[in-house]
């Protein structure tokens, strides 16, 4: 099993791209808002993110969006682990977020 992590930017951020002649089973994706929560203001450092599973040769868009405007309060972690996804050569997992850019993402996957 392997993991990969990135900081999610406002621009399209590739979390994982499958290399030539490979195939991966994605077991879990975790997105964490790394900002410290403010008990007096739960909107401080809150943001939203989008996640796309993009097939090789396909452009990012609504057709491959699996999460859109997912709200993330400071200090929260979202886990995508109910479904197992198989991605192949050239397929990508892409995320982006609104300001502030306080999100990190980690994916765990197995090579098949």
PDB file of N, CA and C in Angstrom:
ATOM      1  N   UNK A   1       0.851  -1.170   0.000  1.00  0.00           N
ATOM      2  CA  UNK A   1       0.000   0.000   0.000  1.00  0.00           C
ATOM      3  C   UNK A   1       0.894   1.230   0.000  1.00  0.00           C
ATOM      4  N   UNK A   2       0.462   2.275  -0.694  1.00  0.00           N
ATOM      5  CA  UNK A   2       1.235   3.508  -0.791  1.00  0.00           C
ATOM      6  C   UNK A   2       0.347   4.694  -0.418  1.00  0.00           C
ATOM      7  N   UNK A   3       0.992   5.784  -0.022  1.00  0.00           N
ATOM      8  CA  UNK A   3       0.260   7.016   0.232  1.00  0.00           C
ATOM      9  C   UNK A   3       0.950   8.163  -0.483  1.00  0.00           C
ATOM     10  N   UNK A   4       0.150   9.198  -0.748  1.00  0.00           N
ATOM     11  CA  UNK A   4       0.677  10.418  -1.337  1.00  0.00           C
ATOM     12  C   UNK A   4      -0.115  11.570  -0.743  1.00  0.00           C
ATOM     13  N   UNK A   5       0.561  12.688  -0.462  1.00  0.00           N
ATOM     14  CA  UNK A   5      -0.085  13.844   0.155  1.00  0.00           C
ATOM     15  C   UNK A   5       0.276  15.122  -0.593  1.00  0.00           C
ATOM     16  N   UNK A   6      -0.670  16.080  -0.593  1.00  0.00           N
ATOM     17  CA  UNK A   6      -0.440  17.397  -1.206  1.00  0.00           C
ATOM     18  C   UNK A   6      -1.159  18.459  -0.389  1.00  0.00           C
ATOM     19  N   UNK A   7      -0.737  19.700  -0.563  1.00  0.00           N
ATOM     20  CA  UNK A   7      -1.498  20.850  -0.089  1.00  0.00           C
ATOM     21  C   UNK A   7      -2.407  21.266  -1.239  1.00  0.00           C
ATOM     22  N   UNK A   8      -3.673  21.471  -0.954  1.00  0.00           N
ATOM     23  CA  UNK A   8      -4.638  21.810  -1.997  1.00  0.00           C
ATOM     24  C   UNK A   8      -4.619  23.314  -2.226  1.00  0.00           C
ATOM     25  N   UNK A   9      -4.476  23.701  -3.482  1.00  0.00           N
ATOM     26  CA  UNK A   9      -4.414  25.108  -3.870  1.00  0.00           C
ATOM     27  C   UNK A   9      -5.746  25.561  -4.468  1.00  0.00           C
ATOM     28  N   UNK A  10      -5.842  26.861  -4.774  1.00  0.00           N
ATOM     29  CA  UNK A  10      -7.031  27.366  -5.458  1.00  0.00           C
ATOM     30  C   UNK A  10      -7.049  26.917  -6.914  1.00  0.00           C
ATOM     31  N   UNK A  11      -5.911  26.579  -7.458  1.00  0.00           N
ATOM     32  CA  UNK A  11      -5.832  26.046  -8.813  1.00  0.00           C
ATOM     33  C   UNK A  11      -5.946  24.524  -8.736  1.00  0.00           C
ATOM     34  N   UNK A  12      -6.175  23.878  -9.857  1.00  0.00           N
ATOM     35  CA  UNK A  12      -6.315  22.428  -9.888  1.00  0.00           C
ATOM     36  C   UNK A  12      -5.032  21.776  -9.378  1.00  0.00           C
ATOM     37  N   UNK A  13      -5.156  20.972  -8.338  1.00  0.00           N
ATOM     38  CA  UNK A  13      -4.035  20.333  -7.670  1.00  0.00           C
ATOM     39  C   UNK A  13      -4.136  18.825  -7.866  1.00  0.00           C
ATOM     40  N   UNK A  14      -3.149  18.232  -8.512  1.00  0.00           N
ATOM     41  CA  UNK A  14      -3.159  16.791  -8.759  1.00  0.00           C
ATOM     42  C   UNK A  14      -2.712  16.071  -7.489  1.00  0.00           C
ATOM     43  N   UNK A  15      -3.618  15.280  -6.931  1.00  0.00           N
ATOM     44  CA  UNK A  15      -3.293  14.462  -5.767  1.00  0.00           C
ATOM     45  C   UNK A  15      -2.604  13.178  -6.200  1.00  0.00           C
ATOM     46  N   UNK A  16      -3.078  12.590  -7.298  1.00  0.00           N
ATOM     47  CA  UNK A  16      -2.510  11.334  -7.776  1.00  0.00           C
ATOM     48  C   UNK A  16      -2.712  11.227  -9.279  1.00  0.00           C
ATOM     49  N   UNK A  17      -1.660  10.834  -9.997  1.00  0.00           N
ATOM     50  CA  UNK A  17      -1.742  10.531 -11.426  1.00  0.00           C
ATOM     51  C   UNK A  17      -1.121   9.159 -11.640  1.00  0.00           C
ATOM     52  N   UNK A  18      -1.857   8.289 -12.314  1.00  0.00           N
ATOM     53  CA  UNK A  18      -1.392   6.920 -12.516  1.00  0.00           C
ATOM     54  C   UNK A  18      -0.345   6.902 -13.625  1.00  0.00           C
ATOM     55  N   UNK A  19       0.838   6.346 -13.362  1.00  0.00           N
ATOM     56  CA  UNK A  19       1.889   6.306 -14.375  1.00  0.00           C
ATOM     57  C   UNK A  19       1.594   5.287 -15.479  1.00  0.00           C
ATOM     58  N   UNK A  20       2.430   5.323 -16.511  1.00  0.00           N
ATOM     59  CA  UNK A  20       2.316   4.425 -17.661  1.00  0.00           C
ATOM     60  C   UNK A  20       2.271   2.969 -17.214  1.00  0.00           C
ATOM     61  N   UNK A  21       1.369   2.237 -17.829  1.00  0.00           N
ATOM     62  CA  UNK A  21       1.206   0.796 -17.621  1.00  0.00           C
ATOM     63  C   UNK A  21       0.908   0.413 -16.172  1.00  0.00           C
ATOM     64  N   UNK A  22       0.261   1.299 -15.418  1.00  0.00           N
ATOM     65  CA  UNK A  22      -0.100   1.001 -14.033  1.00  0.00           C
ATOM     66  C   UNK A  22      -1.610   1.099 -13.853  1.00  0.00           C
ATOM     67  N   UNK A  23      -2.050   0.526 -12.759  1.00  0.00           N
ATOM     68  CA  UNK A  23      -3.465   0.538 -12.396  1.00  0.00           C
ATOM     69  C   UNK A  23      -3.519   0.544 -10.871  1.00  0.00           C
ATOM     70  N   UNK A  24      -4.308   1.459 -10.294  1.00  0.00           N
ATOM     71  CA  UNK A  24      -4.366   1.605  -8.847  1.00  0.00           C
ATOM     72  C   UNK A  24      -5.785   1.389  -8.333  1.00  0.00           C
ATOM     73  N   UNK A  25      -5.877   0.835  -7.138  1.00  0.00           N
ATOM     74  CA  UNK A  25      -7.128   0.795  -6.384  1.00  0.00           C
ATOM     75  C   UNK A  25      -6.997   1.830  -5.277  1.00  0.00           C
ATOM     76  N   UNK A  26      -7.842   2.837  -5.314  1.00  0.00           N
ATOM     77  CA  UNK A  26      -7.829   3.893  -4.305  1.00  0.00           C
ATOM     78  C   UNK A  26      -8.662   3.406  -3.125  1.00  0.00           C
ATOM     79  N   UNK A  27      -8.039   3.342  -1.952  1.00  0.00           N
ATOM     80  CA  UNK A  27      -8.734   2.811  -0.781  1.00  0.00           C
ATOM     81  C   UNK A  27      -9.332   3.901   0.099  1.00  0.00           C
ATOM     82  N   UNK A  28      -8.664   5.039   0.200  1.00  0.00           N
ATOM     83  CA  UNK A  28      -9.179   6.137   1.013  1.00  0.00           C
ATOM     84  C   UNK A  28      -8.539   7.455   0.580  1.00  0.00           C
ATOM     85  N   UNK A  29      -9.326   8.525   0.676  1.00  0.00           N
ATOM     86  CA  UNK A  29      -8.818   9.886   0.495  1.00  0.00           C
ATOM     87  C   UNK A  29      -9.261  10.675   1.717  1.00  0.00           C
ATOM     88  N   UNK A  30      -8.315  11.362   2.347  1.00  0.00           N
ATOM     89  CA  UNK A  30      -8.626  12.197   3.507  1.00  0.00           C
ATOM     90  C   UNK A  30      -8.237  13.633   3.197  1.00  0.00           C
ATOM     91  N   UNK A  31      -9.141  14.552   3.495  1.00  0.00           N
ATOM     92  CA  UNK A  31      -8.888  15.979   3.318  1.00  0.00           C
ATOM     93  C   UNK A  31      -9.004  16.627   4.685  1.00  0.00           C
ATOM     94  N   UNK A  32      -7.967  17.357   5.071  1.00  0.00           N
ATOM     95  CA  UNK A  32      -7.907  17.965   6.405  1.00  0.00           C
ATOM     96  C   UNK A  32      -7.772  19.478   6.300  1.00  0.00           C
ATOM     97  N   UNK A  33      -8.600  20.198   7.058  1.00  0.00           N
ATOM     98  CA  UNK A  33      -8.432  21.642   7.200  1.00  0.00           C
ATOM     99  C   UNK A  33      -7.446  21.826   8.347  1.00  0.00           C
ATOM    100  N   UNK A  34      -6.237  22.244   8.021  1.00  0.00           N
ATOM    101  CA  UNK A  34      -5.142  22.317   8.990  1.00  0.00           C
ATOM    102  C   UNK A  34      -5.181  23.562   9.871  1.00  0.00           C
ATOM    103  N   UNK A  35      -6.127  24.471   9.620  1.00  0.00           N
ATOM    104  CA  UNK A  35      -6.220  25.689  10.425  1.00  0.00           C
ATOM    105  C   UNK A  35      -6.741  25.364  11.823  1.00  0.00           C
ATOM    106  N   UNK A  36      -6.315  26.148  12.795  1.00  0.00           N
ATOM    107  CA  UNK A  36      -6.774  25.981  14.172  1.00  0.00           C
ATOM    108  C   UNK A  36      -8.175  26.561  14.321  1.00  0.00           C
ATOM    109  N   UNK A  37      -9.110  25.787  14.879  1.00  0.00           N
ATOM    110  CA  UNK A  37     -10.473  26.296  15.060  1.00  0.00           C
ATOM    111  C   UNK A  37     -10.512  27.457  16.065  1.00  0.00           C
ATOM    112  N   UNK A  38     -11.442  28.364  15.836  1.00  0.00           N
ATOM    113  CA  UNK A  38     -11.690  29.467  16.762  1.00  0.00           C
ATOM    114  C   UNK A  38     -13.063  29.224  17.383  1.00  0.00           C
ATOM    115  N   UNK A  39     -13.138  28.835  18.643  1.00  0.00           N
ATOM    116  CA  UNK A  39     -14.431  28.540  19.268  1.00  0.00           C
ATOM    117  C   UNK A  39     -15.411  29.715  19.234  1.00  0.00           C
ATOM    118  N   UNK A  40     -14.895  30.936  19.151  1.00  0.00           N
ATOM    119  CA  UNK A  40     -15.758  32.117  19.108  1.00  0.00           C
ATOM    120  C   UNK A  40     -16.295  32.403  17.714  1.00  0.00           C
ATOM    121  N   UNK A  41     -15.685  31.797  16.679  1.00  0.00           N
ATOM    122  CA  UNK A  41     -16.108  32.043  15.294  1.00  0.00           C
ATOM    123  C   UNK A  41     -15.823  30.805  14.450  1.00  0.00           C
ATOM    124  N   UNK A  42     -16.847  29.951  14.296  1.00  0.00           N
ATOM    125  CA  UNK A  42     -16.632  28.694  13.564  1.00  0.00           C
ATOM    126  C   UNK A  42     -16.508  28.886  12.054  1.00  0.00           C
ATOM    127  N   UNK A  43     -16.686  30.118  11.574  1.00  0.00           N
ATOM    128  CA  UNK A  43     -16.493  30.376  10.140  1.00  0.00           C
ATOM    129  C   UNK A  43     -15.058  30.801   9.818  1.00  0.00           C
ATOM    130  N   UNK A  44     -14.281  31.128  10.849  1.00  0.00           N
ATOM    131  CA  UNK A  44     -12.889  31.539  10.620  1.00  0.00           C
ATOM    132  C   UNK A  44     -12.099  30.370  10.029  1.00  0.00           C
ATOM    133  N   UNK A  45     -11.422  30.624   8.932  1.00  0.00           N
ATOM    134  CA  UNK A  45     -10.621  29.636   8.203  1.00  0.00           C
ATOM    135  C   UNK A  45     -11.438  28.497   7.604  1.00  0.00           C
ATOM    136  N   UNK A  46     -12.745  28.691   7.496  1.00  0.00           N
ATOM    137  CA  UNK A  46     -13.574  27.704   6.791  1.00  0.00           C
ATOM    138  C   UNK A  46     -13.348  27.876   5.296  1.00  0.00           C
ATOM    139  N   UNK A  47     -13.475  26.799   4.558  1.00  0.00           N
ATOM    140  CA  UNK A  47     -13.297  26.833   3.107  1.00  0.00           C
ATOM    141  C   UNK A  47     -14.151  25.726   2.491  1.00  0.00           C
ATOM    142  N   UNK A  48     -14.145  25.628   1.194  1.00  0.00           N
ATOM    143  CA  UNK A  48     -14.830  24.544   0.478  1.00  0.00           C
ATOM    144  C   UNK A  48     -13.856  23.974  -0.545  1.00  0.00           C
ATOM    145  N   UNK A  49     -14.104  22.702  -0.956  1.00  0.00           N
ATOM    146  CA  UNK A  49     -13.250  22.117  -1.975  1.00  0.00           C
ATOM    147  C   UNK A  49     -14.061  21.288  -2.948  1.00  0.00           C
ATOM    148  N   UNK A  50     -13.469  21.066  -4.126  1.00  0.00           N
ATOM    149  CA  UNK A  50     -14.012  20.184  -5.161  1.00  0.00           C
ATOM    150  C   UNK A  50     -13.020  19.041  -5.356  1.00  0.00           C
ATOM    151  N   UNK A  51     -13.565  17.863  -5.716  1.00  0.00           N
ATOM    152  CA  UNK A  51     -12.712  16.725  -6.044  1.00  0.00           C
ATOM    153  C   UNK A  51     -13.223  16.099  -7.335  1.00  0.00           C
ATOM    154  N   UNK A  52     -12.280  15.785  -8.234  1.00  0.00           N
ATOM    155  CA  UNK A  52     -12.582  15.201  -9.535  1.00  0.00           C
ATOM    156  C   UNK A  52     -11.775  13.930  -9.746  1.00  0.00           C
ATOM    157  N   UNK A  53     -12.401  12.918 -10.348  1.00  0.00           N
ATOM    158  CA  UNK A  53     -11.705  11.747 -10.866  1.00  0.00           C
ATOM    159  C   UNK A  53     -11.693  11.907 -12.375  1.00  0.00           C
ATOM    160  N   UNK A  54     -10.524  12.209 -12.933  1.00  0.00           N
ATOM    161  CA  UNK A  54     -10.415  12.614 -14.334  1.00  0.00           C
ATOM    162  C   UNK A  54      -9.765  11.496 -15.145  1.00  0.00           C
ATOM    163  N   UNK A  55     -10.517  10.974 -16.107  1.00  0.00           N
ATOM    164  CA  UNK A  55     -10.016   9.920 -16.991  1.00  0.00           C
ATOM    165  C   UNK A  55      -8.955  10.497 -17.930  1.00  0.00           C
ATOM    166  N   UNK A  56      -7.976   9.677 -18.299  1.00  0.00           N
ATOM    167  CA  UNK A  56      -6.916  10.109 -19.214  1.00  0.00           C
ATOM    168  C   UNK A  56      -7.528  10.761 -20.447  1.00  0.00           C
ATOM    169  N   UNK A  57      -7.006  11.929 -20.817  1.00  0.00           N
ATOM    170  CA  UNK A  57      -7.458  12.641 -22.003  1.00  0.00           C
ATOM    171  C   UNK A  57      -8.701  13.488 -21.786  1.00  0.00           C
ATOM    172  N   UNK A  58      -9.311  13.412 -20.614  1.00  0.00           N
ATOM    173  CA  UNK A  58     -10.525  14.168 -20.328  1.00  0.00           C
ATOM    174  C   UNK A  58     -10.162  15.466 -19.614  1.00  0.00           C
ATOM    175  N   UNK A  59     -10.923  16.515 -19.883  1.00  0.00           N
ATOM    176  CA  UNK A  59     -10.716  17.784 -19.189  1.00  0.00           C
ATOM    177  C   UNK A  59     -11.472  17.762 -17.863  1.00  0.00           C
ATOM    178  N   UNK A  60     -10.963  18.508 -16.901  1.00  0.00           N
ATOM    179  CA  UNK A  60     -11.646  18.621 -15.622  1.00  0.00           C
ATOM    180  C   UNK A  60     -12.946  19.405 -15.822  1.00  0.00           C
ATOM    181  N   UNK A  61     -14.018  18.938 -15.192  1.00  0.00           N
ATOM    182  CA  UNK A  61     -15.309  19.613 -15.328  1.00  0.00           C
ATOM    183  C   UNK A  61     -16.384  18.917 -14.519  1.00  0.00           C
ATOM    184  N   UNK A  62     -17.619  19.341 -14.736  1.00  0.00           N
ATOM    185  CA  UNK A  62     -18.732  18.766 -13.982  1.00  0.00           C
ATOM    186  C   UNK A  62     -18.929  17.281 -14.253  1.00  0.00           C
ATOM    187  N   UNK A  63     -18.522  16.809 -15.428  1.00  0.00           N
ATOM    188  CA  UNK A  63     -18.720  15.410 -15.787  1.00  0.00           C
ATOM    189  C   UNK A  63     -17.912  14.464 -14.890  1.00  0.00           C
ATOM    190  N   UNK A  64     -16.809  14.930 -14.312  1.00  0.00           N
ATOM    191  CA  UNK A  64     -15.978  14.063 -13.478  1.00  0.00           C
ATOM    192  C   UNK A  64     -15.851  14.566 -12.037  1.00  0.00           C
ATOM    193  N   UNK A  65     -16.741  15.488 -11.665  1.00  0.00           N
ATOM    194  CA  UNK A  65     -16.739  16.002 -10.289  1.00  0.00           C
ATOM    195  C   UNK A  65     -17.453  15.000  -9.385  1.00  0.00           C
ATOM    196  N   UNK A  66     -16.794  14.601  -8.306  1.00  0.00           N
ATOM    197  CA  UNK A  66     -17.414  13.681  -7.346  1.00  0.00           C
ATOM    198  C   UNK A  66     -17.790  14.393  -6.042  1.00  0.00           C
ATOM    199  N   UNK A  67     -17.151  15.508  -5.767  1.00  0.00           N
ATOM    200  CA  UNK A  67     -17.514  16.369  -4.639  1.00  0.00           C
ATOM    201  C   UNK A  67     -17.430  17.804  -5.110  1.00  0.00           C
ATOM    202  N   UNK A  68     -18.459  18.582  -4.824  1.00  0.00           N
ATOM    203  CA  UNK A  68     -18.469  19.983  -5.218  1.00  0.00           C
ATOM    204  C   UNK A  68     -18.837  20.877  -4.056  1.00  0.00           C
ATOM    205  N   UNK A  69     -18.052  21.913  -3.857  1.00  0.00           N
ATOM    206  CA  UNK A  69     -18.278  22.877  -2.776  1.00  0.00           C
ATOM    207  C   UNK A  69     -18.467  22.202  -1.426  1.00  0.00           C
ATOM    208  N   UNK A  70     -17.624  21.218  -1.156  1.00  0.00           N
ATOM    209  CA  UNK A  70     -17.678  20.488   0.111  1.00  0.00           C
ATOM    210  C   UNK A  70     -17.164  21.393   1.221  1.00  0.00           C
ATOM    211  N   UNK A  71     -18.008  21.732   2.203  1.00  0.00           N
ATOM    212  CA  UNK A  71     -17.569  22.650   3.269  1.00  0.00           C
ATOM    213  C   UNK A  71     -16.607  21.990   4.244  1.00  0.00           C
ATOM    214  N   UNK A  72     -15.600  22.746   4.647  1.00  0.00           N
ATOM    215  CA  UNK A  72     -14.601  22.261   5.600  1.00  0.00           C
ATOM    216  C   UNK A  72     -14.320  23.354   6.634  1.00  0.00           C
ATOM    217  N   UNK A  73     -14.758  23.127   7.859  1.00  0.00           N
ATOM    218  CA  UNK A  73     -14.457  24.048   8.952  1.00  0.00           C
ATOM    219  C   UNK A  73     -13.020  23.813   9.425  1.00  0.00           C
ATOM    220  N   UNK A  74     -12.460  24.801  10.074  1.00  0.00           N
ATOM    221  CA  UNK A  74     -11.100  24.670  10.619  1.00  0.00           C
ATOM    222  C   UNK A  74     -11.034  23.474  11.558  1.00  0.00           C
ATOM    223  N   UNK A  75      -9.967  22.678  11.417  1.00  0.00           N
ATOM    224  CA  UNK A  75      -9.747  21.529  12.277  1.00  0.00           C
ATOM    225  C   UNK A  75     -10.486  20.265  11.886  1.00  0.00           C
ATOM    226  N   UNK A  76     -11.330  20.312  10.845  1.00  0.00           N
ATOM    227  CA  UNK A  76     -12.089  19.130  10.435  1.00  0.00           C
ATOM    228  C   UNK A  76     -11.336  18.288   9.417  1.00  0.00           C
ATOM    229  N   UNK A  77     -11.691  16.995   9.366  1.00  0.00           N
ATOM    230  CA  UNK A  77     -11.164  16.072   8.360  1.00  0.00           C
ATOM    231  C   UNK A  77     -12.331  15.368   7.693  1.00  0.00           C
ATOM    232  N   UNK A  78     -12.315  15.341   6.349  1.00  0.00           N
ATOM    233  CA  UNK A  78     -13.309  14.612   5.570  1.00  0.00           C
ATOM    234  C   UNK A  78     -12.653  13.341   5.048  1.00  0.00           C
ATOM    235  N   UNK A  79     -13.364  12.214   5.154  1.00  0.00           N
ATOM    236  CA  UNK A  79     -12.831  10.938   4.692  1.00  0.00           C
ATOM    237  C   UNK A  79     -13.717  10.372   3.595  1.00  0.00           C
ATOM    238  N   UNK A  80     -13.116  10.055   2.448  1.00  0.00           N
ATOM    239  CA  UNK A  80     -13.787   9.439   1.302  1.00  0.00           C
ATOM    240  C   UNK A  80     -13.316   7.991   1.274  1.00  0.00           C
ATOM    241  N   UNK A  81     -14.109   7.084   1.885  1.00  0.00           N
ATOM    242  CA  UNK A  81     -13.652   5.702   2.002  1.00  0.00           C
ATOM    243  C   UNK A  81     -14.746   4.656   1.810  1.00  0.00           C
ATOM    244  N   UNK A  82     -15.936   5.084   1.465  1.00  0.00           N
ATOM    245  CA  UNK A  82     -17.043   4.140   1.295  1.00  0.00           C
ATOM    246  C   UNK A  82     -16.895   3.327   0.021  1.00  0.00           C
ATOM    247  N   UNK A  83     -16.509   3.986  -1.046  1.00  0.00           N
ATOM    248  CA  UNK A  83     -16.344   3.327  -2.346  1.00  0.00           C
ATOM    249  C   UNK A  83     -14.863   3.131  -2.645  1.00  0.00           C
ATOM    250  N   UNK A  84     -14.526   2.030  -3.268  1.00  0.00           N
ATOM    251  CA  UNK A  84     -13.162   1.800  -3.743  1.00  0.00           C
ATOM    252  C   UNK A  84     -13.158   2.095  -5.236  1.00  0.00           C
ATOM    253  N   UNK A  85     -12.204   2.877  -5.679  1.00  0.00           N
ATOM    254  CA  UNK A  85     -12.134   3.345  -7.056  1.00  0.00           C
ATOM    255  C   UNK A  85     -10.907   2.740  -7.729  1.00  0.00           C
ATOM    256  N   UNK A  86     -11.083   2.238  -8.954  1.00  0.00           N
ATOM    257  CA  UNK A  86      -9.967   1.734  -9.757  1.00  0.00           C
ATOM    258  C   UNK A  86      -9.652   2.801 -10.807  1.00  0.00           C
ATOM    259  N   UNK A  87      -8.400   3.240 -10.831  1.00  0.00           N
ATOM    260  CA  UNK A  87      -7.975   4.208 -11.844  1.00  0.00           C
ATOM    261  C   UNK A  87      -6.801   3.618 -12.614  1.00  0.00           C
ATOM    262  N   UNK A  88      -6.727   3.992 -13.889  1.00  0.00           N
ATOM    263  CA  UNK A  88      -5.745   3.398 -14.796  1.00  0.00           C
ATOM    264  C   UNK A  88      -4.778   4.449 -15.328  1.00  0.00           C
ATOM    265  N   UNK A  89      -3.848   3.991 -16.139  1.00  0.00           N
ATOM    266  CA  UNK A  89      -2.799   4.821 -16.739  1.00  0.00           C
ATOM    267  C   UNK A  89      -3.346   6.178 -17.198  1.00  0.00           C
ATOM    268  N   UNK A  90      -2.744   7.255 -16.691  1.00  0.00           N
ATOM    269  CA  UNK A  90      -3.095   8.608 -17.098  1.00  0.00           C
ATOM    270  C   UNK A  90      -4.278   9.203 -16.354  1.00  0.00           C
ATOM    271  N   UNK A  91      -5.031   8.401 -15.607  1.00  0.00           N
ATOM    272  CA  UNK A  91      -6.144   8.937 -14.821  1.00  0.00           C
ATOM    273  C   UNK A  91      -5.574   9.749 -13.662  1.00  0.00           C
ATOM    274  N   UNK A  92      -6.344  10.765 -13.226  1.00  0.00           N
ATOM    275  CA  UNK A  92      -5.867  11.649 -12.162  1.00  0.00           C
ATOM    276  C   UNK A  92      -6.968  11.913 -11.135  1.00  0.00           C
ATOM    277  N   UNK A  93      -6.547  12.181  -9.925  1.00  0.00           N
ATOM    278  CA  UNK A  93      -7.434  12.708  -8.891  1.00  0.00           C
ATOM    279  C   UNK A  93      -7.000  14.153  -8.685  1.00  0.00           C
ATOM    280  N   UNK A  94      -7.937  15.085  -8.899  1.00  0.00           N
ATOM    281  CA  UNK A  94      -7.624  16.514  -8.856  1.00  0.00           C
ATOM    282  C   UNK A  94      -8.549  17.193  -7.852  1.00  0.00           C
ATOM    283  N   UNK A  95      -7.973  18.052  -7.027  1.00  0.00           N
ATOM    284  CA  UNK A  95      -8.740  18.825  -6.057  1.00  0.00           C
ATOM    285  C   UNK A  95      -8.411  20.298  -6.205  1.00  0.00           C
ATOM    286  N   UNK A  96      -9.315  21.153  -5.764  1.00  0.00           N
ATOM    287  CA  UNK A  96      -9.053  22.578  -5.637  1.00  0.00           C
ATOM    288  C   UNK A  96      -9.917  23.120  -4.515  1.00  0.00           C
ATOM    289  N   UNK A  97      -9.533  24.256  -3.953  1.00  0.00           N
ATOM    290  CA  UNK A  97     -10.294  24.822  -2.837  1.00  0.00           C
ATOM    291  C   UNK A  97     -10.395  26.332  -2.969  1.00  0.00           C
ATOM    292  N   UNK A  98     -11.317  26.888  -2.184  1.00  0.00           N
ATOM    293  CA  UNK A  98     -11.445  28.333  -2.090  1.00  0.00           C
ATOM    294  C   UNK A  98     -10.425  28.855  -1.082  1.00  0.00           C
ATOM    295  N   UNK A  99     -10.327  30.151  -1.002  1.00  0.00           N
ATOM    296  CA  UNK A  99      -9.473  30.775  -0.010  1.00  0.00           C
ATOM    297  C   UNK A  99     -10.180  30.714   1.341  1.00  0.00           C
ATOM    298  N   UNK A 100      -9.489  30.503   2.432  1.00  0.00           N
ATOM    299  CA  UNK A 100      -8.046  30.328   2.517  1.00  0.00           C
ATOM    300  C   UNK A 100      -7.621  28.920   2.110  1.00  0.00           C
ATOM    301  N   UNK A 101      -6.414  28.808   1.621  1.00  0.00           N
ATOM    302  CA  UNK A 101      -5.886  27.503   1.194  1.00  0.00           C
ATOM    303  C   UNK A 101      -5.227  26.827   2.388  1.00  0.00           C
ATOM    304  N   UNK A 102      -6.069  26.188   3.195  1.00  0.00           N
ATOM    305  CA  UNK A 102      -5.620  25.572   4.446  1.00  0.00           C
ATOM    306  C   UNK A 102      -5.877  24.062   4.445  1.00  0.00           C
ATOM    307  N   UNK A 103      -6.051  23.474   3.264  1.00  0.00           N
ATOM    308  CA  UNK A 103      -6.396  22.061   3.173  1.00  0.00           C
ATOM    309  C   UNK A 103      -5.204  21.228   2.714  1.00  0.00           C
ATOM    310  N   UNK A 104      -5.089  20.053   3.308  1.00  0.00           N
ATOM    311  CA  UNK A 104      -4.148  19.035   2.828  1.00  0.00           C
ATOM    312  C   UNK A 104      -4.966  17.812   2.450  1.00  0.00           C
ATOM    313  N   UNK A 105      -4.457  17.012   1.534  1.00  0.00           N
ATOM    314  CA  UNK A 105      -5.133  15.781   1.117  1.00  0.00           C
ATOM    315  C   UNK A 105      -4.138  14.648   1.094  1.00  0.00           C
ATOM    316  N   UNK A 106      -4.597  13.477   1.518  1.00  0.00           N
ATOM    317  CA  UNK A 106      -3.782  12.259   1.498  1.00  0.00           C
ATOM    318  C   UNK A 106      -4.607  11.161   0.851  1.00  0.00           C
ATOM    319  N   UNK A 107      -3.979  10.427  -0.066  1.00  0.00           N
ATOM    320  CA  UNK A 107      -4.632   9.283  -0.708  1.00  0.00           C
ATOM    321  C   UNK A 107      -3.826   8.033  -0.381  1.00  0.00           C
ATOM    322  N   UNK A 108      -4.552   6.947  -0.136  1.00  0.00           N
ATOM    323  CA  UNK A 108      -3.932   5.647   0.055  1.00  0.00           C
ATOM    324  C   UNK A 108      -4.393   4.762  -1.111  1.00  0.00           C
ATOM    325  N   UNK A 109      -3.442   4.045  -1.721  1.00  0.00           N
ATOM    326  CA  UNK A 109      -3.789   3.247  -2.893  1.00  0.00           C
ATOM    327  C   UNK A 109      -2.913   2.001  -2.962  1.00  0.00           C
ATOM    328  N   UNK A 110      -3.416   1.026  -3.715  1.00  0.00           N
ATOM    329  CA  UNK A 110      -2.689  -0.211  -3.977  1.00  0.00           C
ATOM    330  C   UNK A 110      -2.470  -0.332  -5.464  1.00  0.00           C
ATOM    331  N   UNK A 111      -1.280  -0.745  -5.868  1.00  0.00           N
ATOM    332  CA  UNK A 111      -1.053  -1.028  -7.289  1.00  0.00           C
ATOM    333  C   UNK A 111      -1.611  -2.411  -7.583  1.00  0.00           C
ATOM    334  N   UNK A 112      -2.360  -2.504  -8.673  1.00  0.00           N
ATOM    335  CA  UNK A 112      -2.967  -3.790  -9.061  1.00  0.00           C
ATOM    336  C   UNK A 112      -2.127  -4.496 -10.105  1.00  0.00           C
TER     337      UNK A 112
END
